[in-house]
Amino acid sequence: MSAKHPIIAVTGSSGAGTSTTSETFAHLFREHKLNAAFIEGDSFHRYTRPEMDVAIRKAREQGKHISYFGAEANDFELLQNFFREYGQTGGGKYRRYLHTFDEAVPYNLMPGTFTPWQDVSENTDVLFYEGLHGGIVDKNYNVAAHVDLLIGMVPIVNLEWIQKLVRDTSERGHSREAVQESIVRSMDDYINYITPQFSRTHINFQRVPTVDTSNPFSARSIPSLDESMLVIRFRGLKNVDFPYLMSMIDGAYMSRRDTIVVPGGKMSFTMELILAPMIQQLLETGKVG
């Protein structure tokens, strides 16, 4: 961790609200006049899409599973070294994984490939990472140790599956059968690599639909924020002003001494109320707590 070059990581997958989180942080960075480096976790995938297809077939032939949730399809060492270098020097190299034709055409590349590696811009004030593995810890790597503020974006699992089905079929050209097979194939890695991270976060934002998602595989649309509640859990933070949050957020209540529940439509506003003082504290002291 570094007071001079702080790292904020949002870890979570589809349906969690990571897009709203990125927009909220971008707004907060502008308010604080911070020059932020935005890094996508997909940058640290090990394979292009064609290479991943080959790896999946080989794993299936061997009776094994491989997914983007796990270690085999991602370079945790590279991610850890990147965080370490940024924390020490404010520098490092990154790239982008291009999901769609719209993303790939400006680079004259195909979807499912990477842009060339490039240097992080000079004189950034903070690194903002959004991806699947900002809080990874295993026997070989401790990515979480290099993160100054770790936030979990956690949909209930049926909502996550709905989001993945709708996104991958409508935006990425996959069939529903292929997406369902991907969900099944990913479960071991999800349990072993994704869920443990949410016990290491400073804050978890968990989105819970208030509409029926009993059969996510029949859904054709994603429940909106207004059709959801947001469960927010704080861990190891001593300076959270719960009375202030309750007074500012209409419809909010405390379900436990470290947990508040707010209407989903107030997600962005709530995040700004919670995160603005934490960013200020991080910049002034190099830590949150």
C-alpha atoms as a PDB file:
ATOM      1  CA  MET A   1       0.000   0.000   0.000  1.00  0.00           C
ATOM      2  CA  SER A   2       1.195   3.498  -0.746  1.00  0.00           C
ATOM      3  CA  ALA A   3       0.000   6.913   0.423  1.00  0.00           C
ATOM      4  CA  LYS A   4       1.753   8.519  -2.533  1.00  0.00           C
ATOM      5  CA  HIS A   5       0.306   6.192  -5.181  1.00  0.00           C
ATOM      6  CA  PRO A   6      -2.947   4.763  -3.740  1.00  0.00           C
ATOM      7  CA  ILE A   7      -4.836   1.903  -5.376  1.00  0.00           C
ATOM      8  CA  ILE A   8      -8.626   1.541  -5.286  1.00  0.00           C
ATOM      9  CA  ALA A   9     -10.003  -1.783  -6.516  1.00  0.00           C
ATOM     10  CA  VAL A  10     -13.601  -2.731  -7.231  1.00  0.00           C
ATOM     11  CA  THR A  11     -13.996  -6.481  -7.478  1.00  0.00           C
ATOM     12  CA  GLY A  12     -17.170  -8.068  -8.771  1.00  0.00           C
ATOM     13  CA  SER A  13     -18.779  -9.593 -11.821  1.00  0.00           C
ATOM     14  CA  SER A  14     -21.783  -9.177 -14.088  1.00  0.00           C
ATOM     15  CA  GLY A  15     -24.946  -7.662 -12.648  1.00  0.00           C
ATOM     16  CA  ALA A  16     -23.196  -6.225  -9.621  1.00  0.00           C
ATOM     17  CA  GLY A  17     -23.360  -2.574 -10.625  1.00  0.00           C
ATOM     18  CA  THR A  18     -19.708  -2.138 -11.561  1.00  0.00           C
ATOM     19  CA  SER A  19     -20.629   0.321 -14.341  1.00  0.00           C
ATOM     20  CA  THR A  20     -22.446   2.550 -11.848  1.00  0.00           C
ATOM     21  CA  THR A  21     -19.445   2.258  -9.552  1.00  0.00           C
ATOM     22  CA  SER A  22     -17.021   3.369 -12.265  1.00  0.00           C
ATOM     23  CA  GLU A  23     -19.202   6.364 -13.111  1.00  0.00           C
ATOM     24  CA  THR A  24     -19.443   7.289  -9.431  1.00  0.00           C
ATOM     25  CA  PHE A  25     -15.689   7.116  -8.948  1.00  0.00           C
ATOM     26  CA  ALA A  26     -15.063   9.105 -12.138  1.00  0.00           C
ATOM     27  CA  HIS A  27     -17.340  11.828 -10.757  1.00  0.00           C
ATOM     28  CA  LEU A  28     -15.608  11.766  -7.359  1.00  0.00           C
ATOM     29  CA  PHE A  29     -12.173  11.950  -8.980  1.00  0.00           C
ATOM     30  CA  ARG A  30     -13.278  15.007 -10.968  1.00  0.00           C
ATOM     31  CA  GLU A  31     -14.620  16.644  -7.806  1.00  0.00           C
ATOM     32  CA  HIS A  32     -11.309  16.067  -6.018  1.00  0.00           C
ATOM     33  CA  LYS A  33      -9.376  17.149  -9.157  1.00  0.00           C
ATOM     34  CA  LEU A  34      -7.599  13.789  -9.273  1.00  0.00           C
ATOM     35  CA  ASN A  35      -5.933  12.367 -12.363  1.00  0.00           C
ATOM     36  CA  ALA A  36      -6.857   8.680 -12.174  1.00  0.00           C
ATOM     37  CA  ALA A  37      -5.555   5.709 -14.141  1.00  0.00           C
ATOM     38  CA  PHE A  38      -8.504   3.426 -15.011  1.00  0.00           C
ATOM     39  CA  ILE A  39      -7.543  -0.231 -15.417  1.00  0.00           C
ATOM     40  CA  GLU A  40      -9.817  -3.098 -16.476  1.00  0.00           C
ATOM     41  CA  GLY A  41      -9.300  -6.504 -14.922  1.00  0.00           C
ATOM     42  CA  ASP A  42      -9.741  -8.176 -18.318  1.00  0.00           C
ATOM     43  CA  SER A  43      -6.317  -6.750 -19.193  1.00  0.00           C
ATOM     44  CA  PHE A  44      -4.818  -9.574 -17.159  1.00  0.00           C
ATOM     45  CA  HIS A  45      -6.575 -12.471 -18.876  1.00  0.00           C
ATOM     46  CA  ARG A  46      -4.025 -15.008 -20.024  1.00  0.00           C
ATOM     47  CA  TYR A  47      -5.687 -15.887 -23.337  1.00  0.00           C
ATOM     48  CA  THR A  48      -7.352 -14.252 -26.314  1.00  0.00           C
ATOM     49  CA  ARG A  49     -10.855 -15.535 -27.089  1.00  0.00           C
ATOM     50  CA  PRO A  50      -9.661 -18.062 -29.721  1.00  0.00           C
ATOM     51  CA  GLU A  51      -6.934 -19.264 -27.347  1.00  0.00           C
ATOM     52  CA  MET A  52      -9.484 -19.593 -24.557  1.00  0.00           C
ATOM     53  CA  ASP A  53     -11.750 -21.667 -26.810  1.00  0.00           C
ATOM     54  CA  VAL A  54      -8.845 -24.062 -27.405  1.00  0.00           C
ATOM     55  CA  ALA A  55      -8.056 -24.195 -23.675  1.00  0.00           C
ATOM     56  CA  ILE A  56     -11.706 -24.983 -22.878  1.00  0.00           C
ATOM     57  CA  ARG A  57     -11.775 -27.845 -25.390  1.00  0.00           C
ATOM     58  CA  LYS A  58      -8.532 -29.303 -24.043  1.00  0.00           C
ATOM     59  CA  ALA A  59      -9.781 -29.049 -20.459  1.00  0.00           C
ATOM     60  CA  ARG A  60     -13.067 -30.720 -21.395  1.00  0.00           C
ATOM     61  CA  GLU A  61     -11.197 -33.602 -23.049  1.00  0.00           C
ATOM     62  CA  GLN A  62      -9.265 -34.071 -19.804  1.00  0.00           C
ATOM     63  CA  GLY A  63     -12.397 -33.924 -17.666  1.00  0.00           C
ATOM     64  CA  LYS A  64     -11.397 -30.537 -16.231  1.00  0.00           C
ATOM     65  CA  HIS A  65     -12.876 -27.039 -16.149  1.00  0.00           C
ATOM     66  CA  ILE A  66     -11.380 -23.656 -17.001  1.00  0.00           C
ATOM     67  CA  SER A  67     -13.013 -20.238 -16.702  1.00  0.00           C
ATOM     68  CA  TYR A  68     -12.173 -16.549 -16.548  1.00  0.00           C
ATOM     69  CA  PHE A  69     -12.875 -16.684 -12.808  1.00  0.00           C
ATOM     70  CA  GLY A  70      -9.884 -18.925 -12.084  1.00  0.00           C
ATOM     71  CA  ALA A  71      -6.099 -18.873 -12.004  1.00  0.00           C
ATOM     72  CA  GLU A  72      -5.448 -20.802 -15.203  1.00  0.00           C
ATOM     73  CA  ALA A  73      -7.111 -18.199 -17.429  1.00  0.00           C
ATOM     74  CA  ASN A  74      -5.630 -15.170 -15.645  1.00  0.00           C
ATOM     75  CA  ASP A  75      -2.135 -13.956 -14.847  1.00  0.00           C
ATOM     76  CA  PHE A  76      -2.314 -13.179 -11.121  1.00  0.00           C
ATOM     77  CA  GLU A  77       1.452 -12.713 -10.940  1.00  0.00           C
ATOM     78  CA  LEU A  78       1.301 -10.001 -13.590  1.00  0.00           C
ATOM     79  CA  LEU A  79      -1.572  -8.277 -11.776  1.00  0.00           C
ATOM     80  CA  GLN A  80       0.244  -8.435  -8.439  1.00  0.00           C
ATOM     81  CA  ASN A  81       3.448  -7.052  -9.956  1.00  0.00           C
ATOM     82  CA  PHE A  82       1.507  -4.279 -11.684  1.00  0.00           C
ATOM     83  CA  PHE A  83      -0.128  -3.207  -8.413  1.00  0.00           C
ATOM     84  CA  ARG A  84       3.214  -3.382  -6.610  1.00  0.00           C
ATOM     85  CA  GLU A  85       4.946  -1.273  -9.262  1.00  0.00           C
ATOM     86  CA  TYR A  86       2.201   1.339  -9.301  1.00  0.00           C
ATOM     87  CA  GLY A  87       2.206   1.573  -5.506  1.00  0.00           C
ATOM     88  CA  GLN A  88       5.964   2.088  -5.471  1.00  0.00           C
ATOM     89  CA  THR A  89       6.476   4.309  -8.522  1.00  0.00           C
ATOM     90  CA  GLY A  90       3.107   5.379  -9.927  1.00  0.00           C
ATOM     91  CA  GLY A  91       3.973   3.534 -13.148  1.00  0.00           C
ATOM     92  CA  GLY A  92       3.329   0.242 -14.876  1.00  0.00           C
ATOM     93  CA  LYS A  93       2.058  -1.262 -18.115  1.00  0.00           C
ATOM     94  CA  TYR A  94      -1.506  -2.147 -19.048  1.00  0.00           C
ATOM     95  CA  ARG A  95      -3.594  -3.162 -22.048  1.00  0.00           C
ATOM     96  CA  ARG A  96      -7.265  -3.615 -22.935  1.00  0.00           C
ATOM     97  CA  TYR A  97      -9.230  -6.739 -23.761  1.00  0.00           C
ATOM     98  CA  LEU A  98     -11.562  -5.942 -26.663  1.00  0.00           C
ATOM     99  CA  HIS A  99     -14.935  -7.634 -26.183  1.00  0.00           C
ATOM    100  CA  THR A 100     -16.921  -6.333 -29.158  1.00  0.00           C
ATOM    101  CA  PHE A 101     -16.452  -5.051 -32.704  1.00  0.00           C
ATOM    102  CA  ASP A 102     -17.233  -1.523 -31.500  1.00  0.00           C
ATOM    103  CA  GLU A 103     -14.318  -1.753 -29.073  1.00  0.00           C
ATOM    104  CA  ALA A 104     -11.983  -3.488 -31.538  1.00  0.00           C
ATOM    105  CA  VAL A 105     -12.470  -1.452 -34.738  1.00  0.00           C
ATOM    106  CA  PRO A 106     -10.622   1.699 -33.526  1.00  0.00           C
ATOM    107  CA  TYR A 107      -7.552  -0.483 -32.925  1.00  0.00           C
ATOM    108  CA  ASN A 108      -7.916  -2.366 -36.237  1.00  0.00           C
ATOM    109  CA  LEU A 109      -8.151  -5.589 -34.239  1.00  0.00           C
ATOM    110  CA  MET A 110     -10.664  -8.401 -33.816  1.00  0.00           C
ATOM    111  CA  PRO A 111     -12.977  -8.860 -30.819  1.00  0.00           C
ATOM    112  CA  GLY A 112     -11.555 -11.178 -28.200  1.00  0.00           C
ATOM    113  CA  THR A 113      -8.000  -9.880 -28.578  1.00  0.00           C
ATOM    114  CA  PHE A 114      -5.787  -7.473 -26.654  1.00  0.00           C
ATOM    115  CA  THR A 115      -4.430  -4.042 -27.453  1.00  0.00           C
ATOM    116  CA  PRO A 116      -0.635  -3.678 -27.231  1.00  0.00           C
ATOM    117  CA  TRP A 117       0.838  -3.031 -23.789  1.00  0.00           C
ATOM    118  CA  GLN A 118       1.321   0.638 -22.962  1.00  0.00           C
ATOM    119  CA  ASP A 119       2.602   2.700 -20.052  1.00  0.00           C
ATOM    120  CA  VAL A 120       0.300   4.190 -17.454  1.00  0.00           C
ATOM    121  CA  SER A 121       0.118   7.950 -17.972  1.00  0.00           C
ATOM    122  CA  GLU A 122       2.624   9.962 -16.002  1.00  0.00           C
ATOM    123  CA  ASN A 123       1.633  11.921 -12.899  1.00  0.00           C
ATOM    124  CA  THR A 124      -1.567  10.046 -12.049  1.00  0.00           C
ATOM    125  CA  ASP A 125      -2.850  10.527  -8.503  1.00  0.00           C
ATOM    126  CA  VAL A 126      -4.624   7.210  -8.022  1.00  0.00           C
ATOM    127  CA  LEU A 127      -5.126   3.849  -9.729  1.00  0.00           C
ATOM    128  CA  PHE A 128      -8.712   2.630 -10.149  1.00  0.00           C
ATOM    129  CA  TYR A 129      -9.072  -1.074 -10.966  1.00  0.00           C
ATOM    130  CA  GLU A 130     -12.372  -2.693 -11.904  1.00  0.00           C
ATOM    131  CA  GLY A 131     -12.462  -6.422 -12.487  1.00  0.00           C
ATOM    132  CA  LEU A 132     -12.794  -9.902 -11.057  1.00  0.00           C
ATOM    133  CA  HIS A 133      -9.612 -10.232  -9.027  1.00  0.00           C
ATOM    134  CA  GLY A 134      -8.762  -7.059  -7.109  1.00  0.00           C
ATOM    135  CA  GLY A 135      -8.886  -8.974  -3.821  1.00  0.00           C
ATOM    136  CA  ILE A 136      -7.291 -12.274  -4.864  1.00  0.00           C
ATOM    137  CA  VAL A 137      -5.212 -14.173  -2.296  1.00  0.00           C
ATOM    138  CA  ASP A 138      -3.956 -17.726  -2.812  1.00  0.00           C
ATOM    139  CA  LYS A 139      -0.907 -19.789  -1.904  1.00  0.00           C
ATOM    140  CA  ASN A 140       1.233 -17.996  -4.494  1.00  0.00           C
ATOM    141  CA  TYR A 141      -0.115 -14.447  -4.728  1.00  0.00           C
ATOM    142  CA  ASN A 142      -1.576 -11.724  -2.533  1.00  0.00           C
ATOM    143  CA  VAL A 143      -3.016  -9.083  -4.826  1.00  0.00           C
ATOM    144  CA  ALA A 144      -5.230  -7.700  -2.039  1.00  0.00           C
ATOM    145  CA  ALA A 145      -2.171  -6.692   0.013  1.00  0.00           C
ATOM    146  CA  HIS A 146      -1.385  -3.960  -2.515  1.00  0.00           C
ATOM    147  CA  VAL A 147      -4.876  -2.411  -2.491  1.00  0.00           C
ATOM    148  CA  ASP A 148      -5.625   0.585  -0.258  1.00  0.00           C
ATOM    149  CA  LEU A 149      -9.415   0.593  -0.659  1.00  0.00           C
ATOM    150  CA  LEU A 150     -11.098  -2.668  -1.688  1.00  0.00           C
ATOM    151  CA  ILE A 151     -14.779  -2.634  -2.629  1.00  0.00           C
ATOM    152  CA  GLY A 152     -16.944  -5.636  -3.452  1.00  0.00           C
ATOM    153  CA  MET A 153     -19.822  -5.330  -5.912  1.00  0.00           C
ATOM    154  CA  VAL A 154     -21.871  -8.436  -5.263  1.00  0.00           C
ATOM    155  CA  PRO A 155     -25.155  -9.316  -6.972  1.00  0.00           C
ATOM    156  CA  ILE A 156     -27.131 -12.252  -5.685  1.00  0.00           C
ATOM    157  CA  VAL A 157     -26.219 -15.123  -7.950  1.00  0.00           C
ATOM    158  CA  ASN A 158     -29.493 -15.314  -9.934  1.00  0.00           C
ATOM    159  CA  LEU A 159     -29.145 -11.634 -10.843  1.00  0.00           C
ATOM    160  CA  GLU A 160     -25.562 -12.248 -11.911  1.00  0.00           C
ATOM    161  CA  TRP A 161     -26.659 -15.057 -14.210  1.00  0.00           C
ATOM    162  CA  ILE A 162     -29.456 -12.944 -15.722  1.00  0.00           C
ATOM    163  CA  GLN A 163     -27.019 -10.122 -16.431  1.00  0.00           C
ATOM    164  CA  LYS A 164     -24.543 -12.505 -18.050  1.00  0.00           C
ATOM    165  CA  LEU A 165     -27.215 -14.168 -20.188  1.00  0.00           C
ATOM    166  CA  VAL A 166     -28.656 -10.881 -21.435  1.00  0.00           C
ATOM    167  CA  ARG A 167     -25.266  -9.238 -22.023  1.00  0.00           C
ATOM    168  CA  ASP A 168     -23.543 -12.174 -23.707  1.00  0.00           C
ATOM    169  CA  THR A 169     -26.463 -12.968 -26.020  1.00  0.00           C
ATOM    170  CA  SER A 170     -27.387  -9.401 -26.978  1.00  0.00           C
ATOM    171  CA  GLU A 171     -23.959  -7.719 -27.036  1.00  0.00           C
ATOM    172  CA  ARG A 172     -21.400 -10.463 -27.606  1.00  0.00           C
ATOM    173  CA  GLY A 173     -23.208 -12.789 -30.000  1.00  0.00           C
ATOM    174  CA  HIS A 174     -23.233 -15.930 -27.852  1.00  0.00           C
ATOM    175  CA  SER A 175     -26.115 -18.402 -27.829  1.00  0.00           C
ATOM    176  CA  ARG A 176     -28.094 -18.943 -24.617  1.00  0.00           C
ATOM    177  CA  GLU A 177     -26.915 -22.558 -24.578  1.00  0.00           C
ATOM    178  CA  ALA A 178     -23.273 -21.470 -24.751  1.00  0.00           C
ATOM    179  CA  VAL A 179     -23.763 -18.961 -21.932  1.00  0.00           C
ATOM    180  CA  GLN A 180     -25.477 -21.538 -19.725  1.00  0.00           C
ATOM    181  CA  GLU A 181     -22.636 -23.993 -20.370  1.00  0.00           C
ATOM    182  CA  SER A 182     -20.165 -21.266 -19.413  1.00  0.00           C
ATOM    183  CA  ILE A 183     -21.993 -20.657 -16.118  1.00  0.00           C
ATOM    184  CA  VAL A 184     -21.872 -24.356 -15.217  1.00  0.00           C
ATOM    185  CA  ARG A 185     -18.209 -24.628 -16.216  1.00  0.00           C
ATOM    186  CA  SER A 186     -17.304 -21.619 -14.059  1.00  0.00           C
ATOM    187  CA  MET A 187     -18.883 -22.673 -10.770  1.00  0.00           C
ATOM    188  CA  ASP A 188     -15.815 -24.272  -9.149  1.00  0.00           C
ATOM    189  CA  ASP A 189     -13.672 -21.242  -9.918  1.00  0.00           C
ATOM    190  CA  TYR A 190     -16.425 -18.876  -8.756  1.00  0.00           C
ATOM    191  CA  ILE A 191     -16.565 -20.613  -5.386  1.00  0.00           C
ATOM    192  CA  ASN A 192     -12.787 -20.834  -4.962  1.00  0.00           C
ATOM    193  CA  TYR A 193     -11.623 -17.516  -6.434  1.00  0.00           C
ATOM    194  CA  ILE A 194     -14.457 -14.976  -6.526  1.00  0.00           C
ATOM    195  CA  THR A 195     -16.525 -15.362  -3.359  1.00  0.00           C
ATOM    196  CA  PRO A 196     -13.573 -15.425  -0.877  1.00  0.00           C
ATOM    197  CA  GLN A 197     -12.607 -11.916  -1.987  1.00  0.00           C
ATOM    198  CA  PHE A 198     -15.787 -10.486  -0.483  1.00  0.00           C
ATOM    199  CA  SER A 199     -14.537 -11.416   2.995  1.00  0.00           C
ATOM    200  CA  ARG A 200     -11.476  -9.178   2.455  1.00  0.00           C
ATOM    201  CA  THR A 201     -13.210  -6.026   1.252  1.00  0.00           C
ATOM    202  CA  HIS A 202     -13.612  -2.794   3.197  1.00  0.00           C
ATOM    203  CA  ILE A 203     -17.169  -2.427   1.858  1.00  0.00           C
ATOM    204  CA  ASN A 204     -19.550  -4.739   0.013  1.00  0.00           C
ATOM    205  CA  PHE A 205     -22.444  -3.426  -2.060  1.00  0.00           C
ATOM    206  CA  GLN A 206     -24.864  -6.289  -2.695  1.00  0.00           C
ATOM    207  CA  ARG A 207     -27.749  -5.747  -5.089  1.00  0.00           C
ATOM    208  CA  VAL A 208     -30.889  -7.772  -4.315  1.00  0.00           C
ATOM    209  CA  PRO A 209     -33.832  -7.735  -6.784  1.00  0.00           C
ATOM    210  CA  THR A 210     -37.346  -7.200  -5.462  1.00  0.00           C
ATOM    211  CA  VAL A 211     -38.870  -8.973  -8.479  1.00  0.00           C
ATOM    212  CA  ASP A 212     -39.051 -12.694  -9.203  1.00  0.00           C
ATOM    213  CA  THR A 213     -35.724 -14.051 -10.489  1.00  0.00           C
ATOM    214  CA  SER A 214     -36.440 -17.668  -9.547  1.00  0.00           C
ATOM    215  CA  ASN A 215     -35.560 -18.964 -13.019  1.00  0.00           C
ATOM    216  CA  PRO A 216     -32.758 -16.747 -14.318  1.00  0.00           C
ATOM    217  CA  PHE A 217     -32.420 -18.821 -17.487  1.00  0.00           C
ATOM    218  CA  SER A 218     -35.872 -17.771 -18.695  1.00  0.00           C
ATOM    219  CA  ALA A 219     -35.305 -14.046 -18.126  1.00  0.00           C
ATOM    220  CA  ARG A 220     -35.264 -11.692 -21.092  1.00  0.00           C
ATOM    221  CA  SER A 221     -34.467  -8.468 -19.229  1.00  0.00           C
ATOM    222  CA  ILE A 222     -32.388  -7.340 -16.259  1.00  0.00           C
ATOM    223  CA  PRO A 223     -34.156  -6.037 -13.139  1.00  0.00           C
ATOM    224  CA  SER A 224     -33.604  -2.292 -12.873  1.00  0.00           C
ATOM    225  CA  LEU A 225     -32.061  -0.491  -9.919  1.00  0.00           C
ATOM    226  CA  ASP A 226     -35.550   0.681  -8.935  1.00  0.00           C
ATOM    227  CA  GLU A 227     -36.542  -3.000  -8.780  1.00  0.00           C
ATOM    228  CA  SER A 228     -33.744  -3.734  -6.309  1.00  0.00           C
ATOM    229  CA  MET A 229     -32.498  -3.042  -2.808  1.00  0.00           C
ATOM    230  CA  LEU A 230     -28.855  -2.460  -1.962  1.00  0.00           C
ATOM    231  CA  VAL A 231     -27.314  -4.171   1.067  1.00  0.00           C
ATOM    232  CA  ILE A 232     -24.114  -2.422   2.186  1.00  0.00           C
ATOM    233  CA  ARG A 233     -21.756  -4.058   4.681  1.00  0.00           C
ATOM    234  CA  PHE A 234     -18.740  -2.286   6.243  1.00  0.00           C
ATOM    235  CA  ARG A 235     -15.748  -4.254   7.559  1.00  0.00           C
ATOM    236  CA  GLY A 236     -13.089  -2.897   9.897  1.00  0.00           C
ATOM    237  CA  LEU A 237     -14.060   0.750   9.364  1.00  0.00           C
ATOM    238  CA  LYS A 238     -14.360   2.821  12.539  1.00  0.00           C
ATOM    239  CA  ASN A 239     -15.381   6.203  11.163  1.00  0.00           C
ATOM    240  CA  VAL A 240     -18.642   5.386   9.367  1.00  0.00           C
ATOM    241  CA  ASP A 241     -21.269   7.969  10.323  1.00  0.00           C
ATOM    242  CA  PHE A 242     -24.364   5.769  10.289  1.00  0.00           C
ATOM    243  CA  PRO A 243     -26.766   8.409  11.724  1.00  0.00           C
ATOM    244  CA  TYR A 244     -25.722  10.825   8.966  1.00  0.00           C
ATOM    245  CA  LEU A 245     -26.268   8.201   6.259  1.00  0.00           C
ATOM    246  CA  MET A 246     -29.703   7.317   7.687  1.00  0.00           C
ATOM    247  CA  SER A 247     -30.706  10.982   7.700  1.00  0.00           C
ATOM    248  CA  MET A 248     -29.525  11.600   4.134  1.00  0.00           C
ATOM    249  CA  ILE A 249     -30.883   8.492   2.377  1.00  0.00           C
ATOM    250  CA  ASP A 250     -34.661   8.259   2.275  1.00  0.00           C
ATOM    251  CA  GLY A 251     -35.836   4.704   2.914  1.00  0.00           C
ATOM    252  CA  ALA A 252     -32.534   3.503   4.398  1.00  0.00           C
ATOM    253  CA  TYR A 253     -32.370   1.360   7.514  1.00  0.00           C
ATOM    254  CA  MET A 254     -29.802  -0.662   9.452  1.00  0.00           C
ATOM    255  CA  SER A 255     -30.238  -4.444   9.383  1.00  0.00           C
ATOM    256  CA  ARG A 256     -27.128  -5.117  11.500  1.00  0.00           C
ATOM    257  CA  ARG A 257     -24.651  -2.930  13.353  1.00  0.00           C
ATOM    258  CA  ASP A 258     -22.316  -2.934  10.320  1.00  0.00           C
ATOM    259  CA  THR A 259     -24.940  -3.134   7.550  1.00  0.00           C
ATOM    260  CA  ILE A 260     -27.365  -0.690   5.971  1.00  0.00           C
ATOM    261  CA  VAL A 261     -30.066  -1.319   3.366  1.00  0.00           C
ATOM    262  CA  VAL A 262     -31.067   1.351   0.841  1.00  0.00           C
ATOM    263  CA  PRO A 263     -33.380   1.527  -2.191  1.00  0.00           C
ATOM    264  CA  GLY A 264     -31.539   0.471  -5.354  1.00  0.00           C
ATOM    265  CA  GLY A 265     -32.481   3.669  -7.160  1.00  0.00           C
ATOM    266  CA  LYS A 266     -30.336   5.600  -4.693  1.00  0.00           C
ATOM    267  CA  MET A 267     -27.235   3.523  -5.414  1.00  0.00           C
ATOM    268  CA  SER A 268     -25.127   6.246  -7.027  1.00  0.00           C
ATOM    269  CA  PHE A 269     -26.079   8.894  -4.435  1.00  0.00           C
ATOM    270  CA  THR A 270     -25.392   6.474  -1.580  1.00  0.00           C
ATOM    271  CA  MET A 271     -22.008   5.500  -2.969  1.00  0.00           C
ATOM    272  CA  GLU A 272     -20.975   9.139  -3.241  1.00  0.00           C
ATOM    273  CA  LEU A 273     -21.985   9.811   0.375  1.00  0.00           C
ATOM    274  CA  ILE A 274     -19.992   6.811   1.595  1.00  0.00           C
ATOM    275  CA  LEU A 275     -16.951   6.988  -0.661  1.00  0.00           C
ATOM    276  CA  ALA A 276     -16.205  10.729  -0.834  1.00  0.00           C
ATOM    277  CA  PRO A 277     -14.874  10.969   2.755  1.00  0.00           C
ATOM    278  CA  MET A 278     -12.966   7.708   2.310  1.00  0.00           C
ATOM    279  CA  ILE A 279     -11.164   9.016  -0.761  1.00  0.00           C
ATOM    280  CA  GLN A 280     -10.316  12.196   1.135  1.00  0.00           C
ATOM    281  CA  GLN A 281      -8.968  10.167   4.061  1.00  0.00           C
ATOM    282  CA  LEU A 282      -6.977   7.937   1.716  1.00  0.00           C
ATOM    283  CA  LEU A 283      -5.338  10.934   0.070  1.00  0.00           C
ATOM    284  CA  GLU A 284      -4.524  12.603   3.384  1.00  0.00           C
ATOM    285  CA  THR A 285      -3.356   9.610   5.427  1.00  0.00           C
ATOM    286  CA  GLY A 286      -2.674   6.831   2.918  1.00  0.00           C
ATOM    287  CA  LYS A 287      -5.246   4.519   4.482  1.00  0.00           C
ATOM    288  CA  VAL A 288      -8.916   4.080   5.284  1.00  0.00           C
ATOM    289  CA  GLY A 289     -10.283   2.928   8.592  1.00  0.00           C
END
